[in-house]
Amino acid sequence: HQSLKVPYTIGVAQTRRILIVGLGNPGKKYERTRHNIGFLVLDSLAASLDFPSFTTNKDFKADISEHTIGDTKVILAKPTTYMNESGQAVQRIAHFYKIPLQDIVVIHDELSITFGQIRMRVGVQSAGHNGVQSVIQQLGPEFGRIRIGIKNEHTPKDDTSSFVLGTFSAQEKPHVASLV
């Protein structure tokens, strides 16, 4: 009788995890504003892929929805902090789920891109976006970004806060649903 030696360990396969964060501000006052386009994209994504309803997680400082697609657990997050503190929520979620920067995507409005255009990039600086700057401060710059253009002919050169916190124009509103 010989003893059988197994040269490997049988274990449970690890599920890949990715984090998709939509940036915005909490509360009804900001729901349909340009600055909340990240939230609008996540709501649309969750609905189209049959994610469960978002639930508030106070420890994460975010509304969360999770769904497994294939062998990937996808975590959608809408920080419940204000835009300037979004990095707190992203850092807490990434740390809890042990998600590396290359598996994090942040979706946000972008003043330097014309309304209707979408650009993607990894890394670089915040370009003055306070929500993105907050994430960079907490995690570093090497996460993915989906930048959704909100610039139009009325975009001010200075003091853009009232513009980004304003609602879409009458000409833009019919196109917001297809954009998100």
N, C-alpha and C. Protein backbone atom coordinates (compact mmCIF):
# COMPACT_ATOMS: atom_id res chain seq x y z
N HIS A 1 0.84 -1.16 0.00
CA HIS A 1 0.00 0.00 0.00
C HIS A 1 0.89 1.23 0.00
N GLN A 2 0.72 2.07 -1.02
CA GLN A 2 1.52 3.28 -1.12
C GLN A 2 0.68 4.50 -0.76
N SER A 3 1.34 5.43 -0.20
CA SER A 3 0.65 6.67 0.16
C SER A 3 0.59 7.58 -1.08
N LEU A 4 -0.55 8.18 -1.28
CA LEU A 4 -0.76 9.07 -2.43
C LEU A 4 -0.44 10.49 -2.01
N LYS A 5 0.46 11.14 -2.74
CA LYS A 5 0.80 12.53 -2.45
C LYS A 5 0.22 13.42 -3.54
N VAL A 6 -0.51 14.42 -3.12
CA VAL A 6 -1.09 15.37 -4.06
C VAL A 6 -0.16 16.58 -4.14
N PRO A 7 0.33 16.90 -5.32
CA PRO A 7 1.31 17.98 -5.45
C PRO A 7 0.71 19.39 -5.41
N TYR A 8 -0.56 19.49 -5.24
CA TYR A 8 -1.19 20.81 -5.21
C TYR A 8 -2.34 20.79 -4.20
N THR A 9 -2.80 21.98 -3.87
CA THR A 9 -3.90 22.10 -2.93
C THR A 9 -5.17 22.44 -3.71
N ILE A 10 -6.21 21.78 -3.37
CA ILE A 10 -7.49 22.08 -4.00
C ILE A 10 -8.15 23.17 -3.17
N GLY A 11 -8.56 24.22 -3.84
CA GLY A 11 -9.19 25.33 -3.13
C GLY A 11 -10.30 25.94 -3.95
N VAL A 12 -10.95 26.89 -3.38
CA VAL A 12 -12.03 27.59 -4.05
C VAL A 12 -11.43 28.67 -4.94
N ALA A 13 -11.90 28.74 -6.15
CA ALA A 13 -11.40 29.76 -7.08
C ALA A 13 -11.76 31.16 -6.57
N GLN A 14 -10.82 32.06 -6.70
CA GLN A 14 -11.05 33.43 -6.29
C GLN A 14 -11.89 34.15 -7.34
N THR A 15 -12.85 34.90 -6.90
CA THR A 15 -13.66 35.71 -7.79
C THR A 15 -13.00 37.07 -7.93
N ARG A 16 -12.85 37.52 -9.16
CA ARG A 16 -12.30 38.85 -9.39
C ARG A 16 -13.33 39.87 -8.93
N ARG A 17 -12.86 40.99 -8.41
CA ARG A 17 -13.74 42.05 -7.96
C ARG A 17 -13.36 43.35 -8.66
N ILE A 18 -14.37 44.06 -9.15
CA ILE A 18 -14.12 45.39 -9.69
C ILE A 18 -15.08 46.37 -9.02
N LEU A 19 -14.63 47.59 -8.92
CA LEU A 19 -15.41 48.65 -8.29
C LEU A 19 -15.65 49.74 -9.31
N ILE A 20 -16.93 50.06 -9.51
CA ILE A 20 -17.31 51.16 -10.40
C ILE A 20 -17.98 52.21 -9.53
N VAL A 21 -17.42 53.41 -9.53
CA VAL A 21 -17.90 54.49 -8.66
C VAL A 21 -18.46 55.61 -9.54
N GLY A 22 -19.66 56.02 -9.22
CA GLY A 22 -20.23 57.21 -9.87
C GLY A 22 -20.12 58.37 -8.90
N LEU A 23 -19.54 59.47 -9.36
CA LEU A 23 -19.41 60.63 -8.48
C LEU A 23 -20.63 61.53 -8.58
N GLY A 24 -20.98 62.12 -7.44
CA GLY A 24 -22.11 63.04 -7.37
C GLY A 24 -22.27 63.54 -5.96
N ASN A 25 -23.34 64.27 -5.74
CA ASN A 25 -23.67 64.78 -4.42
C ASN A 25 -24.96 64.14 -3.95
N PRO A 26 -25.07 63.82 -2.66
CA PRO A 26 -26.30 63.19 -2.16
C PRO A 26 -27.43 64.22 -2.02
N GLY A 27 -28.64 63.71 -2.05
CA GLY A 27 -29.80 64.54 -1.77
C GLY A 27 -30.59 64.93 -3.01
N LYS A 28 -31.88 65.13 -2.81
CA LYS A 28 -32.80 65.49 -3.90
C LYS A 28 -32.38 66.77 -4.63
N LYS A 29 -31.83 67.71 -3.88
CA LYS A 29 -31.43 69.00 -4.44
C LYS A 29 -30.47 68.84 -5.63
N TYR A 30 -29.66 67.78 -5.62
CA TYR A 30 -28.63 67.60 -6.64
C TYR A 30 -28.95 66.51 -7.66
N GLU A 31 -30.08 65.83 -7.51
CA GLU A 31 -30.37 64.64 -8.30
C GLU A 31 -30.13 64.77 -9.80
N ARG A 32 -30.62 65.79 -10.43
CA ARG A 32 -30.56 65.91 -11.90
C ARG A 32 -29.54 66.94 -12.36
N THR A 33 -28.53 67.21 -11.53
CA THR A 33 -27.53 68.21 -11.90
C THR A 33 -26.42 67.61 -12.75
N ARG A 34 -25.69 68.47 -13.41
CA ARG A 34 -24.56 68.04 -14.23
C ARG A 34 -23.53 67.29 -13.39
N HIS A 35 -23.30 67.78 -12.18
CA HIS A 35 -22.29 67.19 -11.30
C HIS A 35 -22.65 65.75 -10.90
N ASN A 36 -23.91 65.38 -11.02
CA ASN A 36 -24.36 64.05 -10.61
C ASN A 36 -24.48 63.06 -11.77
N ILE A 37 -23.85 63.35 -12.88
CA ILE A 37 -23.97 62.45 -14.01
C ILE A 37 -23.38 61.07 -13.69
N GLY A 38 -22.40 61.01 -12.80
CA GLY A 38 -21.85 59.71 -12.38
C GLY A 38 -22.91 58.85 -11.70
N PHE A 39 -23.73 59.45 -10.85
CA PHE A 39 -24.84 58.73 -10.21
C PHE A 39 -25.85 58.25 -11.25
N LEU A 40 -26.16 59.13 -12.22
CA LEU A 40 -27.13 58.77 -13.27
C LEU A 40 -26.64 57.58 -14.09
N VAL A 41 -25.35 57.56 -14.39
CA VAL A 41 -24.78 56.44 -15.16
C VAL A 41 -24.89 55.15 -14.35
N LEU A 42 -24.57 55.20 -13.06
CA LEU A 42 -24.67 53.98 -12.25
C LEU A 42 -26.10 53.49 -12.12
N ASP A 43 -27.05 54.39 -11.98
CA ASP A 43 -28.46 53.99 -11.92
C ASP A 43 -28.87 53.28 -13.21
N SER A 44 -28.45 53.82 -14.34
CA SER A 44 -28.77 53.22 -15.64
C SER A 44 -28.09 51.87 -15.81
N LEU A 45 -26.82 51.79 -15.42
CA LEU A 45 -26.06 50.53 -15.51
C LEU A 45 -26.70 49.46 -14.63
N ALA A 46 -27.05 49.83 -13.42
CA ALA A 46 -27.66 48.87 -12.49
C ALA A 46 -28.99 48.35 -13.04
N ALA A 47 -29.79 49.23 -13.60
CA ALA A 47 -31.08 48.82 -14.15
C ALA A 47 -30.91 47.91 -15.37
N SER A 48 -29.98 48.25 -16.24
CA SER A 48 -29.82 47.48 -17.47
C SER A 48 -29.19 46.11 -17.23
N LEU A 49 -28.45 45.95 -16.15
CA LEU A 49 -27.79 44.67 -15.86
C LEU A 49 -28.44 43.93 -14.69
N ASP A 50 -29.64 44.34 -14.29
CA ASP A 50 -30.41 43.68 -13.23
C ASP A 50 -29.68 43.59 -11.90
N PHE A 51 -29.00 44.65 -11.52
CA PHE A 51 -28.40 44.73 -10.19
C PHE A 51 -29.51 44.88 -9.17
N PRO A 52 -29.31 44.44 -7.94
CA PRO A 52 -30.30 44.72 -6.90
C PRO A 52 -30.31 46.22 -6.59
N SER A 53 -31.34 46.66 -5.89
CA SER A 53 -31.44 48.07 -5.51
C SER A 53 -30.22 48.48 -4.69
N PHE A 54 -29.85 49.74 -4.80
CA PHE A 54 -28.76 50.29 -4.00
C PHE A 54 -29.21 50.32 -2.54
N THR A 55 -28.28 49.98 -1.65
CA THR A 55 -28.54 50.10 -0.22
C THR A 55 -27.45 50.96 0.40
N THR A 56 -27.82 51.71 1.42
CA THR A 56 -26.87 52.59 2.08
C THR A 56 -26.01 51.78 3.04
N ASN A 57 -24.70 51.93 2.92
CA ASN A 57 -23.76 51.31 3.83
C ASN A 57 -23.03 52.44 4.54
N LYS A 58 -23.37 52.65 5.80
CA LYS A 58 -22.80 53.77 6.55
C LYS A 58 -21.30 53.62 6.77
N ASP A 59 -20.82 52.37 6.93
CA ASP A 59 -19.38 52.16 7.11
C ASP A 59 -18.60 52.58 5.87
N PHE A 60 -19.16 52.31 4.70
CA PHE A 60 -18.50 52.68 3.45
C PHE A 60 -18.75 54.13 3.07
N LYS A 61 -19.75 54.78 3.69
CA LYS A 61 -20.18 56.13 3.30
C LYS A 61 -20.61 56.14 1.84
N ALA A 62 -21.42 55.13 1.47
CA ALA A 62 -21.84 55.00 0.07
C ALA A 62 -23.11 54.17 -0.04
N ASP A 63 -23.82 54.39 -1.12
CA ASP A 63 -24.90 53.51 -1.53
C ASP A 63 -24.26 52.46 -2.44
N ILE A 64 -24.55 51.19 -2.17
CA ILE A 64 -23.86 50.07 -2.83
C ILE A 64 -24.87 49.14 -3.49
N SER A 65 -24.46 48.57 -4.62
CA SER A 65 -25.18 47.47 -5.24
C SER A 65 -24.14 46.51 -5.77
N GLU A 66 -24.33 45.22 -5.55
CA GLU A 66 -23.36 44.20 -5.98
C GLU A 66 -24.05 43.16 -6.84
N HIS A 67 -23.32 42.68 -7.84
CA HIS A 67 -23.86 41.66 -8.73
C HIS A 67 -22.67 40.90 -9.32
N THR A 68 -22.82 39.61 -9.48
CA THR A 68 -21.76 38.82 -10.10
C THR A 68 -22.10 38.62 -11.57
N ILE A 69 -21.15 38.96 -12.41
CA ILE A 69 -21.28 38.80 -13.85
C ILE A 69 -20.16 37.87 -14.28
N GLY A 70 -20.54 36.66 -14.73
CA GLY A 70 -19.52 35.65 -15.03
C GLY A 70 -18.79 35.30 -13.75
N ASP A 71 -17.46 35.43 -13.77
CA ASP A 71 -16.67 35.16 -12.56
C ASP A 71 -16.20 36.44 -11.90
N THR A 72 -16.87 37.55 -12.20
CA THR A 72 -16.47 38.84 -11.65
C THR A 72 -17.57 39.43 -10.78
N LYS A 73 -17.21 39.76 -9.55
CA LYS A 73 -18.13 40.48 -8.66
C LYS A 73 -17.97 41.96 -8.98
N VAL A 74 -19.06 42.59 -9.38
CA VAL A 74 -19.05 44.01 -9.72
C VAL A 74 -19.74 44.77 -8.59
N ILE A 75 -19.03 45.73 -8.04
CA ILE A 75 -19.57 46.55 -6.95
C ILE A 75 -19.77 47.95 -7.52
N LEU A 76 -21.02 48.42 -7.48
CA LEU A 76 -21.33 49.77 -7.89
C LEU A 76 -21.45 50.62 -6.63
N ALA A 77 -20.87 51.80 -6.65
CA ALA A 77 -20.89 52.65 -5.45
C ALA A 77 -21.18 54.10 -5.81
N LYS A 78 -22.09 54.68 -5.04
CA LYS A 78 -22.39 56.11 -5.12
C LYS A 78 -22.08 56.69 -3.75
N PRO A 79 -20.95 57.40 -3.61
CA PRO A 79 -20.60 57.95 -2.30
C PRO A 79 -21.72 58.84 -1.74
N THR A 80 -21.97 58.72 -0.44
CA THR A 80 -22.97 59.55 0.22
C THR A 80 -22.32 60.75 0.89
N THR A 81 -21.03 60.88 0.72
CA THR A 81 -20.34 62.09 1.14
C THR A 81 -20.61 63.13 0.05
N TYR A 82 -20.26 64.34 0.27
CA TYR A 82 -20.34 65.30 -0.82
C TYR A 82 -19.15 65.06 -1.75
N MET A 83 -19.24 65.60 -2.94
CA MET A 83 -18.26 65.37 -3.99
C MET A 83 -16.82 65.51 -3.49
N ASN A 84 -16.54 66.56 -2.75
CA ASN A 84 -15.16 66.86 -2.32
C ASN A 84 -14.58 65.82 -1.38
N GLU A 85 -15.41 64.91 -0.85
CA GLU A 85 -14.92 63.88 0.07
C GLU A 85 -15.15 62.48 -0.46
N SER A 86 -15.39 62.35 -1.75
CA SER A 86 -15.68 61.06 -2.37
C SER A 86 -14.59 60.02 -2.13
N GLY A 87 -13.37 60.45 -2.04
CA GLY A 87 -12.25 59.53 -1.85
C GLY A 87 -12.37 58.70 -0.58
N GLN A 88 -13.01 59.23 0.45
CA GLN A 88 -13.20 58.47 1.69
C GLN A 88 -13.97 57.18 1.42
N ALA A 89 -15.07 57.31 0.68
CA ALA A 89 -15.90 56.14 0.38
C ALA A 89 -15.14 55.16 -0.51
N VAL A 90 -14.51 55.67 -1.55
CA VAL A 90 -13.79 54.79 -2.49
C VAL A 90 -12.69 54.03 -1.77
N GLN A 91 -11.96 54.71 -0.90
CA GLN A 91 -10.87 54.06 -0.16
C GLN A 91 -11.41 52.98 0.76
N ARG A 92 -12.50 53.24 1.47
CA ARG A 92 -13.07 52.26 2.39
C ARG A 92 -13.54 51.01 1.65
N ILE A 93 -14.22 51.20 0.53
CA ILE A 93 -14.74 50.06 -0.23
C ILE A 93 -13.58 49.26 -0.83
N ALA A 94 -12.63 49.96 -1.44
CA ALA A 94 -11.48 49.27 -2.05
C ALA A 94 -10.70 48.48 -1.00
N HIS A 95 -10.52 49.06 0.17
CA HIS A 95 -9.79 48.38 1.24
C HIS A 95 -10.56 47.14 1.73
N PHE A 96 -11.85 47.29 1.96
CA PHE A 96 -12.66 46.18 2.47
C PHE A 96 -12.65 44.99 1.50
N TYR A 97 -12.84 45.27 0.22
CA TYR A 97 -12.91 44.20 -0.78
C TYR A 97 -11.55 43.83 -1.37
N LYS A 98 -10.50 44.55 -0.94
CA LYS A 98 -9.14 44.31 -1.43
C LYS A 98 -9.08 44.43 -2.96
N ILE A 99 -9.58 45.55 -3.43
CA ILE A 99 -9.63 45.82 -4.86
C ILE A 99 -8.44 46.70 -5.24
N PRO A 100 -7.58 46.22 -6.14
CA PRO A 100 -6.43 47.03 -6.56
C PRO A 100 -6.88 48.20 -7.45
N LEU A 101 -6.05 49.23 -7.51
CA LEU A 101 -6.38 50.43 -8.27
C LEU A 101 -6.74 50.14 -9.73
N GLN A 102 -6.07 49.17 -10.35
CA GLN A 102 -6.35 48.88 -11.75
C GLN A 102 -7.74 48.29 -11.96
N ASP A 103 -8.43 47.90 -10.89
CA ASP A 103 -9.79 47.36 -10.98
C ASP A 103 -10.84 48.34 -10.44
N ILE A 104 -10.49 49.62 -10.41
CA ILE A 104 -11.41 50.67 -9.98
C ILE A 104 -11.63 51.63 -11.14
N VAL A 105 -12.90 51.94 -11.40
CA VAL A 105 -13.27 52.91 -12.43
C VAL A 105 -14.16 53.96 -11.77
N VAL A 106 -13.83 55.22 -12.00
CA VAL A 106 -14.60 56.33 -11.47
C VAL A 106 -15.25 57.06 -12.65
N ILE A 107 -16.56 57.25 -12.56
CA ILE A 107 -17.32 57.93 -13.62
C ILE A 107 -17.70 59.31 -13.11
N HIS A 108 -17.38 60.35 -13.89
CA HIS A 108 -17.63 61.71 -13.41
C HIS A 108 -17.85 62.70 -14.55
N ASP A 109 -18.39 63.85 -14.19
CA ASP A 109 -18.58 64.94 -15.14
C ASP A 109 -17.24 65.57 -15.46
N GLU A 110 -17.14 66.15 -16.65
CA GLU A 110 -15.89 66.80 -17.05
C GLU A 110 -16.20 68.10 -17.79
N LEU A 111 -15.79 69.21 -17.19
CA LEU A 111 -16.04 70.54 -17.74
C LEU A 111 -15.23 70.84 -19.00
N SER A 112 -14.13 70.18 -19.20
CA SER A 112 -13.28 70.49 -20.36
C SER A 112 -13.68 69.69 -21.60
N ILE A 113 -14.71 68.87 -21.49
CA ILE A 113 -15.16 68.05 -22.61
C ILE A 113 -16.59 68.48 -22.97
N THR A 114 -16.85 68.62 -24.26
CA THR A 114 -18.15 69.04 -24.74
C THR A 114 -19.24 68.04 -24.38
N PHE A 115 -20.42 68.56 -24.04
CA PHE A 115 -21.57 67.73 -23.69
C PHE A 115 -21.77 66.66 -24.77
N GLY A 116 -21.97 65.43 -24.31
CA GLY A 116 -22.21 64.31 -25.23
C GLY A 116 -20.99 63.50 -25.55
N GLN A 117 -19.81 64.01 -25.26
CA GLN A 117 -18.58 63.26 -25.51
C GLN A 117 -18.18 62.51 -24.24
N ILE A 118 -17.60 61.34 -24.45
CA ILE A 118 -17.13 60.51 -23.34
C ILE A 118 -15.69 60.13 -23.63
N ARG A 119 -14.86 60.28 -22.63
CA ARG A 119 -13.44 59.90 -22.78
C ARG A 119 -13.04 59.04 -21.59
N MET A 120 -12.09 58.15 -21.86
CA MET A 120 -11.58 57.28 -20.81
C MET A 120 -10.08 57.50 -20.67
N ARG A 121 -9.60 57.31 -19.46
CA ARG A 121 -8.17 57.40 -19.21
C ARG A 121 -7.83 56.73 -17.89
N VAL A 122 -6.56 56.46 -17.72
CA VAL A 122 -6.04 55.92 -16.47
C VAL A 122 -4.96 56.88 -16.00
N GLY A 123 -4.99 57.18 -14.72
CA GLY A 123 -3.94 57.99 -14.14
C GLY A 123 -4.09 59.48 -14.42
N VAL A 124 -3.02 60.18 -14.36
CA VAL A 124 -2.86 61.63 -14.46
C VAL A 124 -3.56 62.37 -13.32
N GLN A 125 -3.61 63.67 -13.44
CA GLN A 125 -4.11 64.50 -12.35
C GLN A 125 -5.62 64.73 -12.46
N SER A 126 -6.16 65.50 -11.52
CA SER A 126 -7.60 65.69 -11.40
C SER A 126 -8.18 66.71 -12.37
N ALA A 127 -7.35 67.55 -12.96
CA ALA A 127 -7.79 68.63 -13.85
C ALA A 127 -8.79 69.54 -13.14
N GLY A 128 -8.62 69.72 -11.85
CA GLY A 128 -9.47 70.62 -11.08
C GLY A 128 -10.78 70.03 -10.59
N HIS A 129 -11.01 68.75 -10.84
CA HIS A 129 -12.25 68.11 -10.38
C HIS A 129 -12.03 67.68 -8.93
N ASN A 130 -12.78 68.28 -8.00
CA ASN A 130 -12.56 68.03 -6.58
C ASN A 130 -12.87 66.60 -6.15
N GLY A 131 -13.87 65.97 -6.77
CA GLY A 131 -14.18 64.58 -6.44
C GLY A 131 -13.05 63.65 -6.85
N VAL A 132 -12.53 63.85 -8.05
CA VAL A 132 -11.40 63.04 -8.53
C VAL A 132 -10.17 63.31 -7.66
N GLN A 133 -9.94 64.58 -7.30
CA GLN A 133 -8.80 64.92 -6.44
C GLN A 133 -8.89 64.21 -5.10
N SER A 134 -10.09 64.09 -4.55
CA SER A 134 -10.28 63.41 -3.28
C SER A 134 -9.92 61.92 -3.41
N VAL A 135 -10.31 61.30 -4.51
CA VAL A 135 -9.96 59.88 -4.72
C VAL A 135 -8.44 59.74 -4.87
N ILE A 136 -7.81 60.64 -5.61
CA ILE A 136 -6.36 60.61 -5.79
C ILE A 136 -5.66 60.74 -4.43
N GLN A 137 -6.13 61.65 -3.58
CA GLN A 137 -5.53 61.85 -2.26
C GLN A 137 -5.61 60.59 -1.41
N GLN A 138 -6.69 59.84 -1.54
CA GLN A 138 -6.88 58.63 -0.73
C GLN A 138 -6.16 57.41 -1.30
N LEU A 139 -6.11 57.30 -2.64
CA LEU A 139 -5.63 56.05 -3.26
C LEU A 139 -4.45 56.21 -4.21
N GLY A 140 -4.21 57.41 -4.70
CA GLY A 140 -3.24 57.60 -5.76
C GLY A 140 -3.97 57.72 -7.09
N PRO A 141 -3.24 58.08 -8.16
CA PRO A 141 -3.90 58.41 -9.43
C PRO A 141 -4.16 57.25 -10.40
N GLU A 142 -3.68 56.07 -10.13
CA GLU A 142 -3.70 55.01 -11.14
C GLU A 142 -4.98 54.19 -11.21
N PHE A 143 -6.13 54.85 -11.19
CA PHE A 143 -7.42 54.18 -11.37
C PHE A 143 -8.00 54.64 -12.70
N GLY A 144 -8.96 53.89 -13.21
CA GLY A 144 -9.60 54.25 -14.47
C GLY A 144 -10.65 55.33 -14.28
N ARG A 145 -10.82 56.12 -15.32
CA ARG A 145 -11.81 57.19 -15.27
C ARG A 145 -12.62 57.21 -16.55
N ILE A 146 -13.90 57.37 -16.39
CA ILE A 146 -14.78 57.64 -17.52
C ILE A 146 -15.27 59.06 -17.31
N ARG A 147 -14.86 59.93 -18.23
CA ARG A 147 -15.13 61.36 -18.11
C ARG A 147 -16.25 61.72 -19.08
N ILE A 148 -17.34 62.24 -18.56
CA ILE A 148 -18.50 62.56 -19.37
C ILE A 148 -18.60 64.08 -19.51
N GLY A 149 -18.54 64.53 -20.75
CA GLY A 149 -18.53 65.96 -21.04
C GLY A 149 -19.83 66.66 -20.68
N ILE A 150 -19.68 67.81 -20.02
CA ILE A 150 -20.84 68.64 -19.67
C ILE A 150 -20.69 70.07 -20.19
N LYS A 151 -19.60 70.36 -20.87
CA LYS A 151 -19.33 71.71 -21.36
C LYS A 151 -20.33 72.08 -22.46
N ASN A 152 -20.82 73.32 -22.40
CA ASN A 152 -21.67 73.84 -23.47
C ASN A 152 -21.34 75.30 -23.69
N GLU A 153 -22.11 75.98 -24.53
CA GLU A 153 -21.83 77.38 -24.85
C GLU A 153 -22.04 78.31 -23.66
N HIS A 154 -22.67 77.84 -22.60
CA HIS A 154 -22.92 78.66 -21.41
C HIS A 154 -21.94 78.39 -20.27
N THR A 155 -20.97 77.53 -20.49
CA THR A 155 -20.01 77.20 -19.45
C THR A 155 -19.17 78.43 -19.12
N PRO A 156 -19.19 78.88 -17.86
CA PRO A 156 -18.41 80.06 -17.50
C PRO A 156 -16.91 79.74 -17.45
N LYS A 157 -16.12 80.77 -17.66
CA LYS A 157 -14.66 80.61 -17.58
C LYS A 157 -14.20 80.54 -16.12
N ASP A 158 -14.85 81.30 -15.26
CA ASP A 158 -14.52 81.34 -13.83
C ASP A 158 -15.74 80.89 -13.03
N ASP A 159 -15.55 80.59 -11.78
CA ASP A 159 -16.61 80.20 -10.85
C ASP A 159 -17.64 79.29 -11.50
N THR A 160 -17.23 78.06 -11.72
CA THR A 160 -18.06 77.07 -12.41
C THR A 160 -19.01 76.33 -11.48
N SER A 161 -18.98 76.61 -10.19
CA SER A 161 -19.79 75.83 -9.24
C SER A 161 -21.28 75.91 -9.55
N SER A 162 -21.80 77.08 -9.87
CA SER A 162 -23.24 77.16 -10.15
C SER A 162 -23.58 76.42 -11.45
N PHE A 163 -22.65 76.37 -12.40
CA PHE A 163 -22.89 75.65 -13.65
C PHE A 163 -22.96 74.14 -13.40
N VAL A 164 -21.96 73.58 -12.71
CA VAL A 164 -21.95 72.12 -12.49
C VAL A 164 -23.08 71.69 -11.56
N LEU A 165 -23.50 72.57 -10.67
CA LEU A 165 -24.60 72.24 -9.76
C LEU A 165 -25.97 72.58 -10.35
N GLY A 166 -25.95 73.08 -11.58
CA GLY A 166 -27.20 73.38 -12.27
C GLY A 166 -27.70 72.17 -13.05
N THR A 167 -28.96 72.25 -13.47
CA THR A 167 -29.54 71.15 -14.26
C THR A 167 -29.16 71.33 -15.73
N PHE A 168 -29.37 70.28 -16.49
CA PHE A 168 -29.07 70.32 -17.91
C PHE A 168 -30.00 71.29 -18.62
N SER A 169 -29.51 71.89 -19.69
CA SER A 169 -30.31 72.86 -20.46
C SER A 169 -31.45 72.14 -21.18
N ALA A 170 -32.40 72.94 -21.68
CA ALA A 170 -33.53 72.38 -22.42
C ALA A 170 -33.04 71.60 -23.66
N GLN A 171 -31.98 72.07 -24.29
CA GLN A 171 -31.42 71.38 -25.46
C GLN A 171 -30.72 70.08 -25.07
N GLU A 172 -30.14 70.03 -23.88
CA GLU A 172 -29.40 68.84 -23.43
C GLU A 172 -30.31 67.75 -22.87
N LYS A 173 -31.38 68.15 -22.19
CA LYS A 173 -32.24 67.17 -21.47
C LYS A 173 -32.68 65.99 -22.33
N PRO A 174 -33.11 66.19 -23.57
CA PRO A 174 -33.54 65.03 -24.36
C PRO A 174 -32.41 64.02 -24.65
N HIS A 175 -31.17 64.44 -24.49
CA HIS A 175 -30.02 63.59 -24.82
C HIS A 175 -29.37 62.92 -23.60
N VAL A 176 -29.76 63.34 -22.40
CA VAL A 176 -29.12 62.82 -21.18
C VAL A 176 -29.32 61.31 -21.04
N ALA A 177 -30.53 60.82 -21.29
CA ALA A 177 -30.80 59.38 -21.13
C ALA A 177 -29.92 58.55 -22.06
N SER A 178 -29.77 58.95 -23.31
CA SER A 178 -28.93 58.17 -24.22
C SER A 178 -27.45 58.32 -23.86
N LEU A 179 -27.07 59.47 -23.31
CA LEU A 179 -25.68 59.66 -22.89
C LEU A 179 -25.30 58.73 -21.75
N VAL A 180 -26.21 58.61 -20.76
CA VAL A 180 -25.89 57.75 -19.63
C VAL A 180 -26.07 56.28 -20.00
